[in-house]
Amino acid sequence: MEFRQLGRSGFKVPVLSLGTGTFGGRGDFFRGFGETDVKEATRLVDVALESGLNMFDSADVYSAGVAEEILGAAIRGRRDKVIISTKGTFTVGPGPNDVGSSRFALIRAVDASLRRLGTDYIDLYQLHGFDATTPIEETLSTLDDLVRAGKIRYIGASNFSGWHVMKSIGISERYGWARHVAHQAYYSLVGRDYEWELMPLALDQGIGTIVWSPLGWGRLTGKIRRGQPLPETSRLQSKATVEGGPQVPEEHLYKVVDAIDEIAKETGKTVPQIALNWLLQRPTVTSVIIGARNEEQLRQNLGAVDWKLTPQQIARLDAASSTQLAYPYWHQRGFKSRNPPPV
């Protein structure tokens, strides 16, 4: 397993991480992802560690905290062998302070995650979303205090826009506080919006990107093709997609899948392996979060590493997955001599 430096830090993480969205299966949203229990999760952790994958990603809202509890139980007795990343900010209760990135909310959220995970420190703690109602100075000073207290080792963000990240970095540098070294972002062959602004920013500011939903919310599993109904177990059938999943035009999806299928025949690799390998060769990508309902899926996804698509194959995938840029990015592409794209 290859390890890469996480942003502008001295910390190295594996190029694949195991997500825990399938752990627990509590609530309508997460039941669509999976219902992995402690026994199954422990086996997945075993397989992951055998392969060299030692980073596990969670969040306090995954199955209302149950995912963190299951992860904590699955790694018990081997905390020193794993890297834990988790997230906070989203709503975790009915109270007015059970949401957001205020000092009150973050301190309580981190302490609760530590209890559920059964550990006294979190390797990477990420803000799950941007809280515009809390001053950024309050949020970052709190995270800095938690770093200094030893409860968090590194901090990052998730689902931020470019100006959210840049303003946060500027404030951290002004006061000498802990600085975001990671941004957990949605990025896939059928969702390349990340490249417009967040990728150039990450290159410029030394932010390591940790990719979530690399298979396009279940669209690149190899089960979706032209003229075929969606499989009954597809995430695209779940409430999660209806309420908040990224939308992809049907013809665009089939165009991408057709290109992947051609390369699958050439390489002998699966559709997910090709989609994951493409991401691992993109600028700024440090780690890609893979999910697995069972051991077979995990082993399949682990097959995305230790080989590389050729430059010609990457070019074909790039062409098939390209889309019209939003303004001002399409305009900036017209001034490439002084504003070259990152890819």
Protein backbone atom coordinates (compact mmCIF):
# COMPACT_ATOMS: atom_id res chain seq x y z
CA MET A 1 0.00 0.00 0.00
CA GLU A 2 1.40 3.37 -1.03
CA PHE A 3 1.48 6.15 1.56
CA ARG A 4 1.33 9.84 0.71
CA GLN A 5 2.04 12.98 2.70
CA LEU A 6 -1.13 14.65 3.98
CA GLY A 7 -1.07 18.19 2.71
CA ARG A 8 1.56 20.51 4.13
CA SER A 9 2.23 18.27 7.13
CA GLY A 10 4.72 15.58 8.02
CA PHE A 11 1.97 12.96 8.38
CA LYS A 12 1.61 10.12 5.86
CA VAL A 13 -1.60 8.25 5.15
CA PRO A 14 -2.45 5.30 2.86
CA VAL A 15 -3.82 6.04 -0.62
CA LEU A 16 -6.94 4.06 0.27
CA SER A 17 -9.00 4.59 3.43
CA LEU A 18 -11.94 2.52 4.62
CA GLY A 19 -15.13 4.49 5.23
CA THR A 20 -17.58 3.48 7.93
CA GLY A 21 -20.78 4.76 6.35
CA THR A 22 -21.90 1.12 6.12
CA PHE A 23 -21.42 0.54 9.85
CA GLY A 24 -24.62 0.41 11.88
CA GLY A 25 -27.32 1.10 9.33
CA ARG A 26 -29.37 3.29 11.67
CA GLY A 27 -31.94 5.67 10.18
CA ASP A 28 -33.38 5.89 6.68
CA PHE A 29 -30.32 7.63 5.25
CA PHE A 30 -27.64 5.21 6.42
CA ARG A 31 -29.71 2.06 6.09
CA GLY A 32 -29.25 2.52 2.34
CA PHE A 33 -25.49 2.27 2.77
CA GLY A 34 -25.29 -0.96 4.77
CA GLU A 35 -25.84 -2.52 8.18
CA THR A 36 -22.38 -3.80 9.16
CA ASP A 37 -22.21 -4.97 12.78
CA VAL A 38 -19.19 -5.29 15.10
CA LYS A 39 -18.30 -8.81 13.98
CA GLU A 40 -18.40 -7.88 10.28
CA ALA A 41 -16.56 -4.60 10.89
CA THR A 42 -13.81 -6.41 12.80
CA ARG A 43 -13.30 -8.73 9.82
CA LEU A 44 -13.15 -5.75 7.44
CA VAL A 45 -10.54 -4.10 9.65
CA ASP A 46 -8.57 -7.36 9.70
CA VAL A 47 -8.55 -7.56 5.88
CA ALA A 48 -7.72 -3.87 5.54
CA LEU A 49 -4.74 -4.08 7.89
CA GLU A 50 -3.46 -7.20 6.13
CA SER A 51 -3.38 -5.19 2.89
CA GLY A 52 -1.61 -2.21 4.47
CA LEU A 53 -4.73 -0.03 4.61
CA ASN A 54 -4.72 1.35 8.15
CA MET A 55 -6.85 4.52 7.90
CA PHE A 56 -10.53 4.44 8.84
CA ASP A 57 -12.93 7.33 8.30
CA SER A 58 -16.11 8.03 10.24
CA ALA A 59 -18.34 10.88 11.47
CA ASP A 60 -20.52 11.55 14.50
CA VAL A 61 -23.68 11.57 12.35
CA TYR A 62 -23.04 8.16 10.75
CA SER A 63 -25.90 6.05 12.10
CA ALA A 64 -26.32 8.56 14.94
CA GLY A 65 -22.89 7.76 16.38
CA VAL A 66 -23.22 3.98 16.12
CA ALA A 67 -20.65 3.83 13.29
CA GLU A 68 -18.01 5.33 15.58
CA GLU A 69 -18.95 2.87 18.32
CA ILE A 70 -18.62 -0.08 15.95
CA LEU A 71 -15.29 1.20 14.61
CA GLY A 72 -14.03 1.64 18.17
CA ALA A 73 -14.97 -1.95 18.99
CA ALA A 74 -13.41 -3.27 15.77
CA ILE A 75 -10.01 -1.65 16.46
CA ARG A 76 -9.93 -2.38 20.18
CA GLY A 77 -6.50 -3.56 21.26
CA ARG A 78 -4.78 -2.22 18.14
CA ARG A 79 -5.25 1.54 18.34
CA ASP A 80 -1.52 2.06 17.77
CA LYS A 81 -1.80 0.30 14.40
CA VAL A 82 -4.55 2.46 12.90
CA ILE A 83 -5.24 6.02 11.78
CA ILE A 84 -8.66 7.38 12.69
CA SER A 85 -10.32 10.27 10.94
CA THR A 86 -13.76 11.48 11.92
CA LYS A 87 -15.95 14.53 11.49
CA GLY A 88 -18.33 16.84 13.31
CA THR A 89 -20.56 19.91 12.67
CA PHE A 90 -23.82 18.39 11.42
CA THR A 91 -26.91 18.03 13.63
CA VAL A 92 -26.58 15.39 16.37
CA GLY A 93 -29.55 16.27 18.57
CA PRO A 94 -32.67 18.40 19.00
CA GLY A 95 -31.08 21.25 20.94
CA PRO A 96 -30.00 24.60 19.46
CA ASN A 97 -26.36 23.82 20.25
CA ASP A 98 -26.44 20.27 18.90
CA VAL A 99 -25.23 21.49 15.52
CA GLY A 100 -22.48 23.66 14.09
CA SER A 101 -18.85 24.50 14.74
CA SER A 102 -19.13 26.74 17.79
CA ARG A 103 -16.74 26.28 20.69
CA PHE A 104 -19.55 24.70 22.70
CA ALA A 105 -20.55 22.28 19.95
CA LEU A 106 -17.05 21.26 18.86
CA ILE A 107 -15.70 20.52 22.31
CA ARG A 108 -18.73 18.42 23.12
CA ALA A 109 -18.61 16.69 19.71
CA VAL A 110 -14.93 15.77 20.00
CA ASP A 111 -15.34 14.44 23.54
CA ALA A 112 -18.33 12.36 22.43
CA SER A 113 -16.43 10.94 19.45
CA LEU A 114 -13.50 10.04 21.68
CA ARG A 115 -15.82 8.13 24.02
CA ARG A 116 -17.53 6.26 21.19
CA LEU A 117 -14.24 5.39 19.49
CA GLY A 118 -12.66 4.28 22.75
CA THR A 119 -9.54 6.38 22.26
CA ASP A 120 -7.94 9.46 23.78
CA TYR A 121 -6.95 11.08 20.49
CA ILE A 122 -8.18 11.46 16.92
CA ASP A 123 -5.55 11.52 14.18
CA LEU A 124 -7.53 13.72 11.78
CA TYR A 125 -10.61 15.70 12.77
CA GLN A 126 -12.59 17.39 10.01
CA LEU A 127 -15.39 19.93 9.99
CA HIS A 128 -18.13 18.07 8.11
CA GLY A 129 -19.49 21.26 6.57
CA PHE A 130 -19.08 25.03 6.75
CA ASP A 131 -20.91 26.79 9.59
CA ALA A 132 -21.55 30.35 8.40
CA THR A 133 -23.27 31.35 11.66
CA THR A 134 -20.15 30.82 13.81
CA PRO A 135 -17.15 33.17 13.43
CA ILE A 136 -14.32 31.28 11.77
CA GLU A 137 -11.98 32.59 14.48
CA GLU A 138 -14.08 30.85 17.14
CA THR A 139 -14.03 27.57 15.24
CA LEU A 140 -10.30 27.57 14.47
CA SER A 141 -9.22 28.72 17.93
CA THR A 142 -11.25 25.86 19.40
CA LEU A 143 -9.66 23.32 17.07
CA ASP A 144 -6.24 24.72 17.95
CA ASP A 145 -7.02 24.31 21.66
CA LEU A 146 -8.05 20.69 21.01
CA VAL A 147 -4.81 20.06 19.13
CA ARG A 148 -2.77 21.56 21.97
CA ALA A 149 -4.72 19.44 24.45
CA GLY A 150 -3.69 16.32 22.52
CA LYS A 151 -7.24 15.30 21.63
CA ILE A 152 -6.68 15.95 17.91
CA ARG A 153 -3.47 15.52 15.91
CA TYR A 154 -4.42 17.24 12.62
CA ILE A 155 -7.41 19.21 11.38
CA GLY A 156 -9.22 19.37 8.07
CA ALA A 157 -12.46 20.40 6.42
CA SER A 158 -15.05 18.69 4.28
CA ASN A 159 -17.48 20.01 1.67
CA PHE A 160 -16.12 23.57 1.90
CA SER A 161 -16.13 25.97 -1.03
CA GLY A 162 -12.86 27.53 -2.12
CA TRP A 163 -13.31 30.75 -0.18
CA HIS A 164 -14.24 28.83 2.97
CA VAL A 165 -10.94 26.96 2.84
CA MET A 166 -8.87 30.00 1.88
CA LYS A 167 -10.32 32.26 4.57
CA SER A 168 -9.79 29.54 7.17
CA ILE A 169 -6.15 29.14 6.16
CA GLY A 170 -5.60 32.89 6.24
CA ILE A 171 -7.01 33.17 9.77
CA SER A 172 -4.95 30.20 11.02
CA GLU A 173 -1.78 31.73 9.62
CA ARG A 174 -2.60 35.17 11.08
CA TYR A 175 -2.87 33.81 14.61
CA GLY A 176 -0.47 30.86 14.41
CA TRP A 177 -3.23 28.31 14.93
CA ALA A 178 -3.45 24.76 13.60
CA ARG A 179 -4.00 24.85 9.84
CA HIS A 180 -6.19 22.65 7.66
CA VAL A 181 -4.00 19.99 6.06
CA ALA A 182 -6.85 18.05 4.45
CA HIS A 183 -10.09 18.61 2.59
CA GLN A 184 -12.49 15.71 2.28
CA ALA A 185 -14.32 16.30 -0.98
CA TYR A 186 -16.68 14.61 -3.41
CA TYR A 187 -14.80 13.73 -6.62
CA SER A 188 -15.35 11.02 -9.23
CA LEU A 189 -15.36 10.34 -12.95
CA VAL A 190 -19.01 11.43 -12.99
CA GLY A 191 -18.51 14.37 -10.63
CA ARG A 192 -15.50 16.52 -11.54
CA ASP A 193 -16.64 19.87 -10.13
CA TYR A 194 -13.82 19.57 -7.57
CA GLU A 195 -11.33 20.40 -10.33
CA TRP A 196 -12.73 23.85 -11.04
CA GLU A 197 -11.61 25.71 -7.91
CA LEU A 198 -10.80 23.34 -5.06
CA MET A 199 -8.03 21.51 -6.91
CA PRO A 200 -6.11 24.67 -7.88
CA LEU A 201 -6.50 25.91 -4.32
CA ALA A 202 -5.22 22.62 -2.89
CA LEU A 203 -2.19 22.75 -5.17
CA ASP A 204 -1.44 26.33 -4.20
CA GLN A 205 -1.99 25.95 -0.46
CA GLY A 206 -0.72 22.43 0.13
CA ILE A 207 -4.03 20.78 1.03
CA GLY A 208 -4.29 17.01 0.77
CA THR A 209 -7.57 15.85 -0.72
CA ILE A 210 -9.37 12.85 0.75
CA VAL A 211 -12.02 11.74 -1.72
CA TRP A 212 -15.46 10.61 -0.59
CA SER A 213 -17.92 8.68 -2.80
CA PRO A 214 -15.28 7.95 -5.47
CA LEU A 215 -17.74 5.73 -7.35
CA GLY A 216 -20.15 8.57 -7.97
CA TRP A 217 -22.73 7.65 -5.33
CA GLY A 218 -22.86 4.05 -6.52
CA ARG A 219 -23.00 4.78 -10.24
CA LEU A 220 -19.59 3.28 -11.04
CA THR A 221 -19.97 -0.11 -9.39
CA GLY A 222 -20.25 -1.90 -12.73
CA LYS A 223 -23.93 -2.68 -12.21
CA ILE A 224 -25.34 0.26 -14.18
CA ARG A 225 -25.37 0.19 -17.97
CA ARG A 226 -27.48 1.37 -20.88
CA GLY A 227 -30.91 -0.18 -21.14
CA GLN A 228 -30.74 -1.94 -17.80
CA PRO A 229 -32.89 -1.15 -14.72
CA LEU A 230 -31.13 -0.02 -11.57
CA PRO A 231 -30.27 -2.95 -9.29
CA GLU A 232 -32.64 -3.16 -6.33
CA THR A 233 -29.78 -2.83 -3.85
CA SER A 234 -28.25 0.21 -5.55
CA ARG A 235 -27.62 3.27 -3.39
CA LEU A 236 -29.41 5.22 -6.13
CA GLN A 237 -32.65 3.61 -4.94
CA SER A 238 -32.18 4.87 -1.38
CA LYS A 239 -33.58 7.92 0.37
CA ALA A 240 -30.02 9.22 0.65
CA THR A 241 -29.85 9.88 -3.09
CA VAL A 242 -33.34 11.33 -3.34
CA GLU A 243 -32.63 13.85 -0.59
CA GLY A 244 -29.05 14.86 -1.19
CA GLY A 245 -27.10 12.75 -3.64
CA PRO A 246 -25.28 14.36 -6.58
CA GLN A 247 -27.24 14.30 -9.81
CA VAL A 248 -25.70 13.07 -13.06
CA PRO A 249 -27.35 13.35 -16.51
CA GLU A 250 -28.20 9.87 -17.74
CA GLU A 251 -26.43 10.12 -21.10
CA HIS A 252 -23.28 11.51 -19.47
CA LEU A 253 -23.21 8.57 -17.04
CA TYR A 254 -23.54 6.03 -19.85
CA LYS A 255 -20.81 7.78 -21.85
CA VAL A 256 -18.42 7.46 -18.91
CA VAL A 257 -19.39 3.85 -18.19
CA ASP A 258 -18.91 2.95 -21.87
CA ALA A 259 -15.36 4.33 -21.75
CA ILE A 260 -14.59 2.47 -18.51
CA ASP A 261 -15.95 -0.76 -19.97
CA GLU A 262 -13.59 -0.47 -22.95
CA ILE A 263 -10.60 -0.02 -20.66
CA ALA A 264 -11.81 -2.85 -18.41
CA LYS A 265 -11.56 -5.20 -21.38
CA GLU A 266 -8.02 -3.99 -22.09
CA THR A 267 -6.76 -4.22 -18.51
CA GLY A 268 -8.76 -7.08 -17.01
CA LYS A 269 -9.72 -4.75 -14.14
CA THR A 270 -13.22 -4.06 -12.85
CA VAL A 271 -15.20 -0.86 -13.34
CA PRO A 272 -14.69 0.27 -9.70
CA GLN A 273 -10.96 -0.51 -9.83
CA ILE A 274 -10.54 1.65 -12.93
CA ALA A 275 -12.58 4.51 -11.44
CA LEU A 276 -10.51 4.42 -8.24
CA ASN A 277 -7.19 4.15 -10.07
CA TRP A 278 -8.05 7.20 -12.19
CA LEU A 279 -8.59 9.22 -9.02
CA LEU A 280 -5.29 8.10 -7.51
CA GLN A 281 -3.47 9.65 -10.46
CA ARG A 282 -5.15 13.07 -10.13
CA PRO A 283 -3.30 16.09 -8.70
CA THR A 284 -3.82 16.76 -4.96
CA VAL A 285 -5.51 13.40 -4.24
CA THR A 286 -3.90 11.93 -1.13
CA SER A 287 -6.35 9.21 -0.17
CA VAL A 288 -9.57 7.76 -1.58
CA ILE A 289 -12.22 6.49 0.82
CA ILE A 290 -13.60 3.13 -0.21
CA GLY A 291 -16.71 1.55 1.25
CA ALA A 292 -17.58 -2.10 1.61
CA ARG A 293 -20.67 -3.95 2.73
CA ASN A 294 -18.67 -7.19 2.97
CA GLU A 295 -15.21 -8.70 2.66
CA GLU A 296 -15.62 -9.47 -1.06
CA GLN A 297 -16.35 -5.83 -1.90
CA LEU A 298 -13.40 -4.68 0.18
CA ARG A 299 -10.98 -7.05 -1.54
CA GLN A 300 -12.29 -5.91 -4.94
CA ASN A 301 -11.70 -2.26 -4.08
CA LEU A 302 -8.23 -3.02 -2.73
CA GLY A 303 -7.42 -4.18 -6.27
CA ALA A 304 -7.38 -0.53 -7.36
CA VAL A 305 -3.78 -0.09 -6.17
CA ASP A 306 -0.34 -1.37 -7.21
CA TRP A 307 -0.95 -0.74 -10.92
CA LYS A 308 -1.57 2.30 -13.12
CA LEU A 309 -3.73 3.25 -16.05
CA THR A 310 -1.66 4.35 -19.04
CA PRO A 311 -1.58 8.04 -20.02
CA GLN A 312 -3.61 7.15 -23.12
CA GLN A 313 -6.29 5.40 -21.05
CA ILE A 314 -6.44 8.35 -18.66
CA ALA A 315 -6.88 10.72 -21.61
CA ARG A 316 -9.82 8.66 -22.87
CA LEU A 317 -11.47 8.71 -19.46
CA ASP A 318 -10.84 12.45 -19.18
CA ALA A 319 -12.50 13.07 -22.52
CA ALA A 320 -15.53 10.90 -21.77
CA SER A 321 -16.11 12.50 -18.35
CA SER A 322 -15.50 16.16 -19.23
CA THR A 323 -18.39 18.62 -18.79
CA GLN A 324 -19.07 22.30 -19.45
CA LEU A 325 -17.43 24.43 -16.79
CA ALA A 326 -19.39 26.98 -14.74
CA TYR A 327 -18.50 30.67 -14.89
CA PRO A 328 -15.85 32.06 -14.34
CA TYR A 329 -13.93 28.83 -14.96
CA TRP A 330 -14.87 28.47 -18.63
CA HIS A 331 -13.71 32.06 -19.14
CA GLN A 332 -10.41 31.43 -17.35
CA ARG A 333 -9.73 28.45 -19.63
CA GLY A 334 -9.64 30.97 -22.49
CA PHE A 335 -6.55 32.58 -20.88
CA LYS A 336 -4.45 29.44 -20.49
CA SER A 337 -1.16 31.17 -21.20
CA ARG A 338 -1.38 32.94 -17.81
CA ASN A 339 -3.98 30.80 -16.07
CA PRO A 340 -3.19 27.17 -16.88
CA PRO A 341 -5.60 24.50 -15.62
CA PRO A 342 -4.21 22.10 -12.98
CA VAL A 343 -4.85 19.07 -15.18
